PDB file of N, CA and C in Angstrom:
ATOM      1  N   MET A   1      -2.945  15.930  -6.606  1.00  0.00           N
ATOM      2  CA  MET A   1      -3.225  15.636  -5.267  1.00  0.00           C
ATOM      3  C   MET A   1      -4.495  14.685  -5.424  1.00  0.00           C
ATOM      4  N   GLY A   2      -4.506  13.756  -4.445  1.00  0.00           N
ATOM      5  CA  GLY A   2      -5.729  12.756  -4.473  1.00  0.00           C
ATOM      6  C   GLY A   2      -6.856  13.292  -3.378  1.00  0.00           C
ATOM      7  N   SER A   3      -7.984  12.863  -3.746  1.00  0.00           N
ATOM      8  CA  SER A   3      -8.903  13.084  -2.968  1.00  0.00           C
ATOM      9  C   SER A   3      -9.389  12.007  -1.881  1.00  0.00           C
ATOM     10  N   TRP A   4     -10.116  12.197  -0.904  1.00  0.00           N
ATOM     11  CA  TRP A   4     -10.596  11.340  -0.025  1.00  0.00           C
ATOM     12  C   TRP A   4     -12.293  11.137  -0.402  1.00  0.00           C
ATOM     13  N   ASP A   5     -12.498   9.814   0.159  1.00  0.00           N
ATOM     14  CA  ASP A   5     -13.913   9.296  -0.106  1.00  0.00           C
ATOM     15  C   ASP A   5     -14.172   8.392   0.901  1.00  0.00           C
ATOM     16  N   ILE A   6     -14.335   8.655   2.007  1.00  0.00           N
ATOM     17  CA  ILE A   6     -14.626   7.579   3.291  1.00  0.00           C
ATOM     18  C   ILE A   6     -16.003   7.634   3.554  1.00  0.00           C
ATOM     19  N   ASN A   7     -16.636   6.505   3.585  1.00  0.00           N
ATOM     20  CA  ASN A   7     -17.856   6.271   3.916  1.00  0.00           C
ATOM     21  C   ASN A   7     -17.975   5.832   5.294  1.00  0.00           C
ATOM     22  N   PRO A   8     -18.214   6.733   6.290  1.00  0.00           N
ATOM     23  CA  PRO A   8     -17.986   6.171   7.856  1.00  0.00           C
ATOM     24  C   PRO A   8     -18.870   4.989   8.073  1.00  0.00           C
ATOM     25  N   GLU A   9     -20.060   4.775   7.439  1.00  0.00           N
ATOM     26  CA  GLU A   9     -20.875   3.647   7.971  1.00  0.00           C
ATOM     27  C   GLU A   9     -20.168   2.347   7.689  1.00  0.00           C
ATOM     28  N   GLN A  10     -19.634   2.312   6.412  1.00  0.00           N
ATOM     29  CA  GLN A  10     -18.967   1.253   5.894  1.00  0.00           C
ATOM     30  C   GLN A  10     -17.646   0.900   6.707  1.00  0.00           C
ATOM     31  N   VAL A  11     -17.198   1.931   7.212  1.00  0.00           N
ATOM     32  CA  VAL A  11     -15.813   1.770   7.997  1.00  0.00           C
ATOM     33  C   VAL A  11     -16.205   1.274   9.336  1.00  0.00           C
ATOM     34  N   SER A  12     -17.228   1.551   9.708  1.00  0.00           N
ATOM     35  CA  SER A  12     -17.935   1.114  11.192  1.00  0.00           C
ATOM     36  C   SER A  12     -18.019  -0.168  11.022  1.00  0.00           C
ATOM     37  N   GLN A  13     -18.689  -0.672   9.670  1.00  0.00           N
ATOM     38  CA  GLN A  13     -19.187  -1.971   9.637  1.00  0.00           C
ATOM     39  C   GLN A  13     -17.964  -2.978   9.637  1.00  0.00           C
ATOM     40  N   VAL A  14     -17.027  -2.237   8.704  1.00  0.00           N
ATOM     41  CA  VAL A  14     -15.949  -3.354   8.618  1.00  0.00           C
ATOM     42  C   VAL A  14     -15.177  -3.320  10.106  1.00  0.00           C
ATOM     43  N   LEU A  15     -15.111  -2.408  10.864  1.00  0.00           N
ATOM     44  CA  LEU A  15     -14.536  -2.531  12.243  1.00  0.00           C
ATOM     45  C   LEU A  15     -15.309  -3.454  12.843  1.00  0.00           C
ATOM     46  N   THR A  16     -16.515  -3.376  13.061  1.00  0.00           N
ATOM     47  CA  THR A  16     -17.416  -4.202  13.823  1.00  0.00           C
ATOM     48  C   THR A  16     -17.143  -5.549  13.546  1.00  0.00           C
ATOM     49  N   ASP A  17     -17.233  -5.879  12.041  1.00  0.00           N
ATOM     50  CA  ASP A  17     -16.974  -7.357  11.731  1.00  0.00           C
ATOM     51  C   ASP A  17     -15.721  -7.838  12.010  1.00  0.00           C
ATOM     52  N   THR A  18     -14.492  -7.092  11.935  1.00  0.00           N
ATOM     53  CA  THR A  18     -13.370  -7.442  12.286  1.00  0.00           C
ATOM     54  C   THR A  18     -13.103  -7.741  13.886  1.00  0.00           C
ATOM     55  N   ALA A  19     -13.682  -6.754  14.608  1.00  0.00           N
ATOM     56  CA  ALA A  19     -13.765  -6.908  15.997  1.00  0.00           C
ATOM     57  C   ALA A  19     -14.330  -8.378  16.514  1.00  0.00           C
ATOM     58  N   GLY A  20     -15.412  -8.748  15.677  1.00  0.00           N
ATOM     59  CA  GLY A  20     -16.365  -9.970  15.985  1.00  0.00           C
ATOM     60  C   GLY A  20     -15.061 -11.024  15.782  1.00  0.00           C
ATOM     61  N   HIS A  21     -14.542 -11.105  14.603  1.00  0.00           N
ATOM     62  CA  HIS A  21     -13.410 -12.077  14.417  1.00  0.00           C
ATOM     63  C   HIS A  21     -12.546 -12.200  15.367  1.00  0.00           C
ATOM     64  N   LEU A  22     -11.979 -11.007  16.024  1.00  0.00           N
ATOM     65  CA  LEU A  22     -11.103 -11.044  17.124  1.00  0.00           C
ATOM     66  C   LEU A  22     -11.739 -11.580  18.331  1.00  0.00           C
ATOM     67  N   GLY A  23     -12.993 -11.472  18.675  1.00  0.00           N
ATOM     68  CA  GLY A  23     -13.896 -11.852  19.843  1.00  0.00           C
ATOM     69  C   GLY A  23     -13.344 -10.775  20.849  1.00  0.00           C
ATOM     70  N   GLU A  24     -13.974 -11.377  22.176  1.00  0.00           N
ATOM     71  CA  GLU A  24     -13.899 -10.343  23.383  1.00  0.00           C
ATOM     72  C   GLU A  24     -13.244 -11.532  24.428  1.00  0.00           C
ATOM     73  N   GLU A  25     -12.462 -10.853  25.376  1.00  0.00           N
ATOM     74  CA  GLU A  25     -11.845 -11.715  26.490  1.00  0.00           C
ATOM     75  C   GLU A  25     -12.825 -12.098  27.190  1.00  0.00           C
ATOM     76  N   GLY A  26     -12.853 -13.688  27.536  1.00  0.00           N
ATOM     77  CA  GLY A  26     -13.781 -14.218  28.316  1.00  0.00           C
ATOM     78  C   GLY A  26     -14.921 -14.837  27.474  1.00  0.00           C
ATOM     79  N   SER A  27     -15.002 -14.647  26.420  1.00  0.00           N
ATOM     80  CA  SER A  27     -16.026 -15.251  25.433  1.00  0.00           C
ATOM     81  C   SER A  27     -15.480 -16.431  24.581  1.00  0.00           C
ATOM     82  N   SER A  28     -16.325 -17.100  24.057  1.00  0.00           N
ATOM     83  CA  SER A  28     -15.980 -18.442  23.322  1.00  0.00           C
ATOM     84  C   SER A  28     -15.857 -18.136  21.711  1.00  0.00           C
ATOM     85  N   ASP A  29     -16.074 -16.614  21.475  1.00  0.00           N
ATOM     86  CA  ASP A  29     -16.046 -16.249  19.937  1.00  0.00           C
ATOM     87  C   ASP A  29     -14.821 -15.861  19.679  1.00  0.00           C
ATOM     88  N   GLY A  30     -14.629 -15.692  18.234  1.00  0.00           N
ATOM     89  CA  GLY A  30     -13.496 -15.245  17.653  1.00  0.00           C
ATOM     90  C   GLY A  30     -12.032 -15.762  18.139  1.00  0.00           C
ATOM     91  N   LEU A  31     -11.117 -15.023  17.784  1.00  0.00           N
ATOM     92  CA  LEU A  31      -9.757 -15.581  17.863  1.00  0.00           C
ATOM     93  C   LEU A  31      -9.390 -15.774  19.419  1.00  0.00           C
ATOM     94  N   LEU A  32      -9.811 -14.885  20.165  1.00  0.00           N
ATOM     95  CA  LEU A  32      -9.443 -14.843  21.587  1.00  0.00           C
ATOM     96  C   LEU A  32     -10.333 -15.992  22.335  1.00  0.00           C
ATOM     97  N   GLY A  33     -11.512 -16.533  21.754  1.00  0.00           N
ATOM     98  CA  GLY A  33     -12.341 -17.713  22.146  1.00  0.00           C
ATOM     99  C   GLY A  33     -11.505 -19.061  21.702  1.00  0.00           C
ATOM    100  N   ASN A  34     -10.951 -18.927  20.430  1.00  0.00           N
ATOM    101  CA  ASN A  34     -10.071 -19.836  19.952  1.00  0.00           C
ATOM    102  C   ASN A  34      -8.922 -20.368  20.721  1.00  0.00           C
ATOM    103  N   MET A  35      -8.349 -19.096  21.471  1.00  0.00           N
ATOM    104  CA  MET A  35      -7.260 -19.275  22.110  1.00  0.00           C
ATOM    105  C   MET A  35      -7.375 -19.997  23.306  1.00  0.00           C
ATOM    106  N   GLN A  36      -8.410 -19.691  24.025  1.00  0.00           N
ATOM    107  CA  GLN A  36      -9.208 -20.166  25.232  1.00  0.00           C
ATOM    108  C   GLN A  36      -9.319 -21.558  25.114  1.00  0.00           C
ATOM    109  N   GLU A  37     -10.025 -22.047  24.107  1.00  0.00           N
ATOM    110  CA  GLU A  37     -10.040 -23.425  23.491  1.00  0.00           C
ATOM    111  C   GLU A  37      -8.896 -24.339  23.642  1.00  0.00           C
ATOM    112  N   ILE A  38      -8.127 -23.537  22.872  1.00  0.00           N
ATOM    113  CA  ILE A  38      -6.843 -24.353  22.624  1.00  0.00           C
ATOM    114  C   ILE A  38      -5.991 -24.625  23.844  1.00  0.00           C
ATOM    115  N   ALA A  39      -6.132 -23.490  24.818  1.00  0.00           N
ATOM    116  CA  ALA A  39      -5.312 -23.485  26.062  1.00  0.00           C
ATOM    117  C   ALA A  39      -6.092 -24.823  26.859  1.00  0.00           C
ATOM    118  N   THR A  40      -7.413 -24.707  26.925  1.00  0.00           N
ATOM    119  CA  THR A  40      -7.895 -25.826  27.868  1.00  0.00           C
ATOM    120  C   THR A  40      -7.803 -27.069  27.156  1.00  0.00           C
ATOM    121  N   LYS A  41      -7.689 -27.512  25.739  1.00  0.00           N
ATOM    122  CA  LYS A  41      -7.451 -28.720  25.196  1.00  0.00           C
ATOM    123  C   LYS A  41      -6.211 -29.086  25.543  1.00  0.00           C
ATOM    124  N   VAL A  42      -5.316 -28.207  25.456  1.00  0.00           N
ATOM    125  CA  VAL A  42      -3.741 -28.465  25.840  1.00  0.00           C
ATOM    126  C   VAL A  42      -3.514 -28.946  27.152  1.00  0.00           C
ATOM    127  N   GLU A  43      -4.190 -28.206  28.128  1.00  0.00           N
ATOM    128  CA  GLU A  43      -4.255 -28.780  29.659  1.00  0.00           C
ATOM    129  C   GLU A  43      -4.705 -29.935  29.837  1.00  0.00           C
ATOM    130  N   THR A  44      -5.650 -30.464  29.043  1.00  0.00           N
ATOM    131  CA  THR A  44      -6.329 -31.695  29.160  1.00  0.00           C
ATOM    132  C   THR A  44      -5.426 -32.730  28.737  1.00  0.00           C
ATOM    133  N   ILE A  45      -4.987 -32.449  27.504  1.00  0.00           N
ATOM    134  CA  ILE A  45      -4.208 -33.606  26.779  1.00  0.00           C
ATOM    135  C   ILE A  45      -2.749 -33.700  27.942  1.00  0.00           C
ATOM    136  N   ASN A  46      -2.342 -32.613  28.266  1.00  0.00           N
ATOM    137  CA  ASN A  46      -1.137 -32.949  29.221  1.00  0.00           C
ATOM    138  C   ASN A  46      -1.543 -33.771  30.439  1.00  0.00           C
ATOM    139  N   GLU A  47      -2.792 -33.427  31.098  1.00  0.00           N
ATOM    140  CA  GLU A  47      -3.155 -34.090  32.192  1.00  0.00           C
ATOM    141  C   GLU A  47      -3.369 -35.744  31.728  1.00  0.00           C
ATOM    142  N   MET A  48      -3.796 -35.945  30.856  1.00  0.00           N
ATOM    143  CA  MET A  48      -4.223 -37.338  30.392  1.00  0.00           C
ATOM    144  C   MET A  48      -2.882 -37.996  29.860  1.00  0.00           C
ATOM    145  N   ALA A  49      -1.928 -37.290  29.227  1.00  0.00           N
ATOM    146  CA  ALA A  49      -0.775 -38.038  28.842  1.00  0.00           C
ATOM    147  C   ALA A  49       0.301 -38.319  29.971  1.00  0.00           C
ATOM    148  N   GLU A  50       0.153 -37.493  30.916  1.00  0.00           N
ATOM    149  CA  GLU A  50       1.168 -38.007  32.088  1.00  0.00           C
ATOM    150  C   GLU A  50       2.707 -38.262  31.559  1.00  0.00           C
ATOM    151  N   SER A  51       3.112 -37.275  30.879  1.00  0.00           N
ATOM    152  CA  SER A  51       4.255 -37.575  30.301  1.00  0.00           C
ATOM    153  C   SER A  51       5.049 -36.244  30.316  1.00  0.00           C
ATOM    154  N   VAL A  52       6.336 -36.466  30.707  1.00  0.00           N
ATOM    155  CA  VAL A  52       7.332 -35.311  30.840  1.00  0.00           C
ATOM    156  C   VAL A  52       7.714 -34.742  29.661  1.00  0.00           C
ATOM    157  N   PRO A  53       8.206 -35.775  28.562  1.00  0.00           N
ATOM    158  CA  PRO A  53       8.343 -35.371  27.142  1.00  0.00           C
ATOM    159  C   PRO A  53       7.028 -34.749  26.300  1.00  0.00           C
ATOM    160  N   ILE A  54       5.989 -35.366  26.628  1.00  0.00           N
ATOM    161  CA  ILE A  54       4.794 -34.481  26.078  1.00  0.00           C
ATOM    162  C   ILE A  54       4.479 -33.152  26.567  1.00  0.00           C
ATOM    163  N   ALA A  55       4.730 -33.006  28.073  1.00  0.00           N
ATOM    164  CA  ALA A  55       4.425 -31.739  28.650  1.00  0.00           C
ATOM    165  C   ALA A  55       5.577 -30.890  27.951  1.00  0.00           C
ATOM    166  N   ILE A  56       6.708 -31.115  27.989  1.00  0.00           N
ATOM    167  CA  ILE A  56       7.600 -30.159  27.371  1.00  0.00           C
ATOM    168  C   ILE A  56       7.288 -29.671  25.914  1.00  0.00           C
ATOM    169  N   ALA A  57       7.020 -30.792  25.093  1.00  0.00           N
ATOM    170  CA  ALA A  57       6.264 -30.408  23.827  1.00  0.00           C
ATOM    171  C   ALA A  57       5.326 -29.449  23.752  1.00  0.00           C
ATOM    172  N   LEU A  58       4.354 -29.913  24.594  1.00  0.00           N
ATOM    173  CA  LEU A  58       3.106 -29.055  24.622  1.00  0.00           C
ATOM    174  C   LEU A  58       3.527 -27.628  25.094  1.00  0.00           C
ATOM    175  N   GLY A  59       4.310 -27.563  26.101  1.00  0.00           N
ATOM    176  CA  GLY A  59       5.009 -26.361  26.450  1.00  0.00           C
ATOM    177  C   GLY A  59       5.522 -25.354  25.353  1.00  0.00           C
ATOM    178  N   GLU A  60       6.379 -25.975  24.624  1.00  0.00           N
ATOM    179  CA  GLU A  60       7.101 -25.442  23.424  1.00  0.00           C
ATOM    180  C   GLU A  60       6.046 -24.843  22.619  1.00  0.00           C
ATOM    181  N   PHE A  61       4.999 -25.804  22.029  1.00  0.00           N
ATOM    182  CA  PHE A  61       4.105 -25.529  21.235  1.00  0.00           C
ATOM    183  C   PHE A  61       3.253 -24.285  21.476  1.00  0.00           C
ATOM    184  N   CYS A  62       2.980 -24.387  22.755  1.00  0.00           N
ATOM    185  CA  CYS A  62       1.935 -23.183  23.295  1.00  0.00           C
ATOM    186  C   CYS A  62       2.980 -22.022  23.425  1.00  0.00           C
ATOM    187  N   GLU A  63       4.065 -21.870  24.007  1.00  0.00           N
ATOM    188  CA  GLU A  63       4.884 -20.773  23.846  1.00  0.00           C
ATOM    189  C   GLU A  63       4.953 -19.980  22.653  1.00  0.00           C
ATOM    190  N   HIS A  64       5.245 -20.994  21.503  1.00  0.00           N
ATOM    191  CA  HIS A  64       5.329 -20.495  20.146  1.00  0.00           C
ATOM    192  C   HIS A  64       4.117 -19.865  19.834  1.00  0.00           C
ATOM    193  N   TYR A  65       2.935 -20.673  19.671  1.00  0.00           N
ATOM    194  CA  TYR A  65       1.868 -20.426  18.940  1.00  0.00           C
ATOM    195  C   TYR A  65       1.080 -19.272  19.797  1.00  0.00           C
ATOM    196  N   PHE A  66       0.984 -19.331  21.014  1.00  0.00           N
ATOM    197  CA  PHE A  66       0.436 -18.485  21.791  1.00  0.00           C
ATOM    198  C   PHE A  66       1.111 -16.674  21.510  1.00  0.00           C
ATOM    199  N   GLY A  67       2.233 -17.037  21.337  1.00  0.00           N
ATOM    200  CA  GLY A  67       3.023 -15.775  21.009  1.00  0.00           C
ATOM    201  C   GLY A  67       2.554 -15.209  19.791  1.00  0.00           C
ATOM    202  N   VAL A  68       2.451 -15.993  18.878  1.00  0.00           N
ATOM    203  CA  VAL A  68       2.044 -15.793  17.427  1.00  0.00           C
ATOM    204  C   VAL A  68       0.501 -15.093  17.400  1.00  0.00           C
ATOM    205  N   MET A  69      -0.405 -15.799  18.269  1.00  0.00           N
ATOM    206  CA  MET A  69      -1.758 -15.495  18.255  1.00  0.00           C
ATOM    207  C   MET A  69      -1.893 -14.105  19.042  1.00  0.00           C
ATOM    208  N   GLY A  70      -1.153 -13.917  20.116  1.00  0.00           N
ATOM    209  CA  GLY A  70      -0.896 -12.667  20.681  1.00  0.00           C
ATOM    210  C   GLY A  70      -0.609 -11.596  20.018  1.00  0.00           C
ATOM    211  N   ASP A  71       0.407 -11.823  19.375  1.00  0.00           N
ATOM    212  CA  ASP A  71       0.967 -10.668  18.573  1.00  0.00           C
ATOM    213  C   ASP A  71      -0.295 -10.388  17.106  1.00  0.00           C
ATOM    214  N   MET A  72      -0.954 -11.321  16.949  1.00  0.00           N
ATOM    215  CA  MET A  72      -2.201 -10.958  16.118  1.00  0.00           C
ATOM    216  C   MET A  72      -3.134 -10.249  16.767  1.00  0.00           C
ATOM    217  N   VAL A  73      -3.384 -10.541  18.030  1.00  0.00           N
ATOM    218  CA  VAL A  73      -4.687  -9.863  18.382  1.00  0.00           C
ATOM    219  C   VAL A  73      -4.126  -8.403  18.752  1.00  0.00           C
ATOM    220  N   THR A  74      -2.742  -8.201  19.115  1.00  0.00           N
ATOM    221  CA  THR A  74      -2.117  -6.974  19.404  1.00  0.00           C
ATOM    222  C   THR A  74      -2.243  -6.038  18.196  1.00  0.00           C
ATOM    223  N   LYS A  75      -1.701  -6.736  17.178  1.00  0.00           N
ATOM    224  CA  LYS A  75      -1.805  -5.894  15.707  1.00  0.00           C
ATOM    225  C   LYS A  75      -3.222  -5.655  15.204  1.00  0.00           C
ATOM    226  N   THR A  76      -4.041  -6.560  15.459  1.00  0.00           N
ATOM    227  CA  THR A  76      -5.511  -6.428  14.989  1.00  0.00           C
ATOM    228  C   THR A  76      -5.941  -5.207  15.945  1.00  0.00           C
ATOM    229  N   VAL A  77      -5.830  -5.229  17.225  1.00  0.00           N
ATOM    230  CA  VAL A  77      -6.508  -3.977  18.023  1.00  0.00           C
ATOM    231  C   VAL A  77      -5.967  -2.786  17.579  1.00  0.00           C
ATOM    232  N   SER A  78      -4.611  -2.847  17.543  1.00  0.00           N
ATOM    233  CA  SER A  78      -3.863  -1.466  16.607  1.00  0.00           C
ATOM    234  C   SER A  78      -4.512  -0.981  15.600  1.00  0.00           C
ATOM    235  N   GLY A  79      -4.702  -1.869  14.751  1.00  0.00           N
ATOM    236  CA  GLY A  79      -5.272  -1.480  13.488  1.00  0.00           C
ATOM    237  C   GLY A  79      -6.768  -0.983  13.530  1.00  0.00           C
ATOM    238  N   LEU A  80      -7.453  -1.462  14.333  1.00  0.00           N
ATOM    239  CA  LEU A  80      -8.983  -1.354  14.542  1.00  0.00           C
ATOM    240  C   LEU A  80      -9.206   0.199  15.288  1.00  0.00           C
ATOM    241  N   GLU A  81      -8.116   0.367  16.202  1.00  0.00           N
ATOM    242  CA  GLU A  81      -8.078   1.840  16.905  1.00  0.00           C
ATOM    243  C   GLU A  81      -7.518   2.845  15.914  1.00  0.00           C
ATOM    244  N   GLY A  82      -6.436   2.475  15.153  1.00  0.00           N
ATOM    245  CA  GLY A  82      -6.047   3.497  14.289  1.00  0.00           C
ATOM    246  C   GLY A  82      -6.943   3.720  13.121  1.00  0.00           C
ATOM    247  N   ALA A  83      -7.583   2.845  12.710  1.00  0.00           N
ATOM    248  CA  ALA A  83      -8.786   2.874  11.510  1.00  0.00           C
ATOM    249  C   ALA A  83     -10.007   4.066  12.075  1.00  0.00           C
ATOM    250  N   SER A  84     -10.241   3.758  13.455  1.00  0.00           N
ATOM    251  CA  SER A  84     -11.412   4.398  13.904  1.00  0.00           C
ATOM    252  C   SER A  84     -10.811   5.764  14.282  1.00  0.00           C
ATOM    253  N   GLU A  85      -9.774   6.103  14.756  1.00  0.00           N
ATOM    254  CA  GLU A  85      -9.301   7.258  14.978  1.00  0.00           C
ATOM    255  C   GLU A  85      -8.974   8.301  13.729  1.00  0.00           C
ATOM    256  N   ALA A  86      -8.533   7.590  12.662  1.00  0.00           N
ATOM    257  CA  ALA A  86      -8.458   8.125  11.226  1.00  0.00           C
ATOM    258  C   ALA A  86      -9.872   8.579  10.710  1.00  0.00           C
ATOM    259  N   THR A  87     -10.855   7.561  10.796  1.00  0.00           N
ATOM    260  CA  THR A  87     -12.196   8.060  10.264  1.00  0.00           C
ATOM    261  C   THR A  87     -12.850   9.187  11.059  1.00  0.00           C
ATOM    262  N   THR A  88     -12.521   9.187  12.415  1.00  0.00           N
ATOM    263  CA  THR A  88     -13.093  10.223  13.286  1.00  0.00           C
ATOM    264  C   THR A  88     -12.435  11.448  12.871  1.00  0.00           C
ATOM    265  N   ALA A  89     -11.276  11.590  12.858  1.00  0.00           N
ATOM    266  CA  ALA A  89     -10.465  12.893  12.129  1.00  0.00           C
ATOM    267  C   ALA A  89     -11.093  13.028  10.760  1.00  0.00           C
ATOM    268  N   TYR A  90     -11.454  12.222  10.017  1.00  0.00           N
ATOM    269  CA  TYR A  90     -11.798  12.480   8.768  1.00  0.00           C
ATOM    270  C   TYR A  90     -13.093  13.203   8.879  1.00  0.00           C
ATOM    271  N   ILE A  91     -14.201  12.866   9.736  1.00  0.00           N
ATOM    272  CA  ILE A  91     -15.471  13.201   9.796  1.00  0.00           C
ATOM    273  C   ILE A  91     -15.451  14.556  10.622  1.00  0.00           C
ATOM    274  N   ASN A  92     -14.365  14.849  11.507  1.00  0.00           N
ATOM    275  CA  ASN A  92     -14.026  15.981  12.096  1.00  0.00           C
ATOM    276  C   ASN A  92     -13.917  17.093  11.043  1.00  0.00           C
ATOM    277  N   GLY A  93     -12.997  16.808  10.332  1.00  0.00           N
ATOM    278  CA  GLY A  93     -12.422  17.667   9.433  1.00  0.00           C
ATOM    279  C   GLY A  93     -13.486  17.984   8.195  1.00  0.00           C
ATOM    280  N   ASP A  94     -14.418  17.166   8.016  1.00  0.00           N
ATOM    281  CA  ASP A  94     -15.668  17.403   7.149  1.00  0.00           C
ATOM    282  C   ASP A  94     -16.400  18.338   7.805  1.00  0.00           C
ATOM    283  N   LEU A  95     -16.685  18.325   9.024  1.00  0.00           N
ATOM    284  CA  LEU A  95     -17.566  18.915  10.046  1.00  0.00           C
ATOM    285  C   LEU A  95     -16.961  20.207  10.052  1.00  0.00           C
ATOM    286  N   GLU A  96     -15.831  20.410  10.071  1.00  0.00           N
ATOM    287  CA  GLU A  96     -15.073  21.738  10.215  1.00  0.00           C
ATOM    288  C   GLU A  96     -15.211  22.655   8.859  1.00  0.00           C
ATOM    289  N   MET A  97     -14.870  21.816   7.854  1.00  0.00           N
ATOM    290  CA  MET A  97     -15.000  22.549   6.503  1.00  0.00           C
ATOM    291  C   MET A  97     -16.380  22.695   6.162  1.00  0.00           C
ATOM    292  N   ALA A  98     -17.348  22.164   6.362  1.00  0.00           N
ATOM    293  CA  ALA A  98     -18.909  22.465   6.400  1.00  0.00           C
ATOM    294  C   ALA A  98     -19.304  23.497   7.244  1.00  0.00           C
ATOM    295  N   ALA A  99     -18.558  23.557   8.468  1.00  0.00           N
ATOM    296  CA  ALA A  99     -19.087  24.827   9.419  1.00  0.00           C
ATOM    297  C   ALA A  99     -18.281  26.231   8.642  1.00  0.00           C
ATOM    298  N   GLU A 100     -17.066  26.040   8.163  1.00  0.00           N
ATOM    299  CA  GLU A 100     -16.529  27.161   7.687  1.00  0.00           C
ATOM    300  C   GLU A 100     -17.331  27.592   6.546  1.00  0.00           C
ATOM    301  N   ALA A 101     -17.856  26.618   5.460  1.00  0.00           N
ATOM    302  CA  ALA A 101     -18.555  26.879   4.318  1.00  0.00           C
ATOM    303  C   ALA A 101     -20.080  27.595   4.824  1.00  0.00           C
ATOM    304  N   GLN A 102     -20.417  27.111   5.610  1.00  0.00           N
ATOM    305  CA  GLN A 102     -21.607  27.611   6.181  1.00  0.00           C
ATOM    306  C   GLN A 102     -21.601  29.050   6.839  1.00  0.00           C
ATOM    307  N   SER A 103     -20.568  29.274   7.506  1.00  0.00           N
ATOM    308  CA  SER A 103     -20.244  30.668   8.291  1.00  0.00           C
ATOM    309  C   SER A 103     -20.016  31.634   7.105  1.00  0.00           C
ATOM    310  N   THR A 104     -19.487  31.289   6.042  1.00  0.00           N
ATOM    311  CA  THR A 104     -19.057  32.250   4.873  1.00  0.00           C
ATOM    312  C   THR A 104     -20.229  32.403   3.725  1.00  0.00           C
ATOM    313  N   ALA A 105     -21.227  31.507   3.816  1.00  0.00           N
ATOM    314  CA  ALA A 105     -22.147  31.287   2.850  1.00  0.00           C
ATOM    315  C   ALA A 105     -22.962  32.565   2.399  1.00  0.00           C
ATOM    316  N   GLY A 106     -23.144  33.425   3.495  1.00  0.00           N
ATOM    317  CA  GLY A 106     -23.688  34.844   3.286  1.00  0.00           C
ATOM    318  C   GLY A 106     -22.896  35.851   2.815  1.00  0.00           C
ATOM    319  N   ASP A 107     -21.642  35.612   3.014  1.00  0.00           N
ATOM    320  CA  ASP A 107     -20.634  36.801   2.628  1.00  0.00           C
ATOM    321  C   ASP A 107     -20.576  36.694   1.170  1.00  0.00           C
ATOM    322  N   ILE A 108     -20.944  37.979   0.674  1.00  0.00           N
ATOM    323  CA  ILE A 108     -20.844  38.223  -0.872  1.00  0.00           C
ATOM    324  C   ILE A 108     -19.927  39.215  -1.003  1.00  0.00           C
ATOM    325  N   PRO A 109     -18.740  39.030  -1.388  1.00  0.00           N
ATOM    326  CA  PRO A 109     -17.853  40.153  -1.780  1.00  0.00           C
ATOM    327  C   PRO A 109     -18.214  41.317  -2.601  1.00  0.00           C
ATOM    328  N   VAL A 110     -17.990  42.265  -2.679  1.00  0.00           N
ATOM    329  CA  VAL A 110     -18.339  43.533  -3.198  1.00  0.00           C
ATOM    330  C   VAL A 110     -17.168  43.457  -4.547  1.00  0.00           C
ATOM    331  N   ARG A 111     -18.034  43.534  -5.714  1.00  0.00           N
ATOM    332  CA  ARG A 111     -17.145  43.665  -6.975  1.00  0.00           C
ATOM    333  C   ARG A 111     -16.953  45.118  -7.559  1.00  0.00           C
ATOM    334  N   ARG A 112     -15.963  45.603  -7.749  1.00  0.00           N
ATOM    335  CA  ARG A 112     -16.102  46.977  -8.457  1.00  0.00           C
ATOM    336  C   ARG A 112     -15.791  46.540  -9.735  1.00  0.00           C
ATOM    337  N   PRO A 113     -16.592  47.515 -10.660  1.00  0.00           N
ATOM    338  CA  PRO A 113     -16.152  47.206 -12.180  1.00  0.00           C
ATOM    339  C   PRO A 113     -14.879  47.523 -12.648  1.00  0.00           C
ATOM    340  N   PRO A 114     -14.323  46.856 -13.525  1.00  0.00           N
ATOM    341  CA  PRO A 114     -13.085  47.384 -13.849  1.00  0.00           C
ATOM    342  C   PRO A 114     -12.685  48.932 -14.282  1.00  0.00           C
ATOM    343  N   GLY A 115     -11.638  49.205 -13.560  1.00  0.00           N
ATOM    344  CA  GLY A 115     -11.177  50.534 -13.819  1.00  0.00           C
ATOM    345  C   GLY A 115     -11.702  51.450 -12.877  1.00  0.00           C
ATOM    346  N   ALA A 116     -12.617  51.148 -11.792  1.00  0.00           N
ATOM    347  CA  ALA A 116     -13.245  51.753 -10.969  1.00  0.00           C
ATOM    348  C   ALA A 116     -12.044  52.201  -9.818  1.00  0.00           C
ATOM    349  N   ILE A 117     -12.019  53.422  -9.333  1.00  0.00           N
ATOM    350  CA  ILE A 117     -11.259  53.833  -8.092  1.00  0.00           C
ATOM    351  C   ILE A 117     -11.747  53.662  -6.899  1.00  0.00           C
ATOM    352  N   ASP A 118     -10.927  53.106  -5.760  1.00  0.00           N
ATOM    353  CA  ASP A 118     -11.340  52.933  -4.486  1.00  0.00           C
ATOM    354  C   ASP A 118     -12.358  54.125  -3.933  1.00  0.00           C
ATOM    355  N   GLY A 119     -13.396  53.774  -3.197  1.00  0.00           N
ATOM    356  CA  GLY A 119     -14.011  54.621  -2.591  1.00  0.00           C
ATOM    357  C   GLY A 119     -15.627  53.720  -2.504  1.00  0.00           C
ATOM    358  N   PRO A 120     -16.827  54.584  -2.120  1.00  0.00           N
ATOM    359  CA  PRO A 120     -17.863  53.910  -1.909  1.00  0.00           C
ATOM    360  C   PRO A 120     -18.443  53.252  -3.269  1.00  0.00           C
ATOM    361  N   VAL A 121     -19.197  52.146  -3.167  1.00  0.00           N
ATOM    362  CA  VAL A 121     -19.634  51.445  -4.039  1.00  0.00           C
ATOM    363  C   VAL A 121     -21.108  51.994  -4.481  1.00  0.00           C
TER     364      VAL A 121
END
């Protein structure tokens, strides 16, 4: 059976870094910021082109790539949440094991010499 060796501080740093690459809704950082910037530029290009075929092409482009980027955001958020929950469960498990070990630390089982019969020690 394998053993677990998770460093919660390192996991937290990876989750924080990954969330930074994802960005926050409404900010100009990360993938979400890039998506907003692309949307703004596509709107500007569409207005400047004043062309139905270009508008159709831009619409198809956005439909495809915003779908792909949206899936990336969804999967990233799911991964972040899953990793966070798993690490929390790991920490809680360690705390439960530590509490159990501490609660039984003073219990010293009585050992009888070999061949002794049951009765007072």
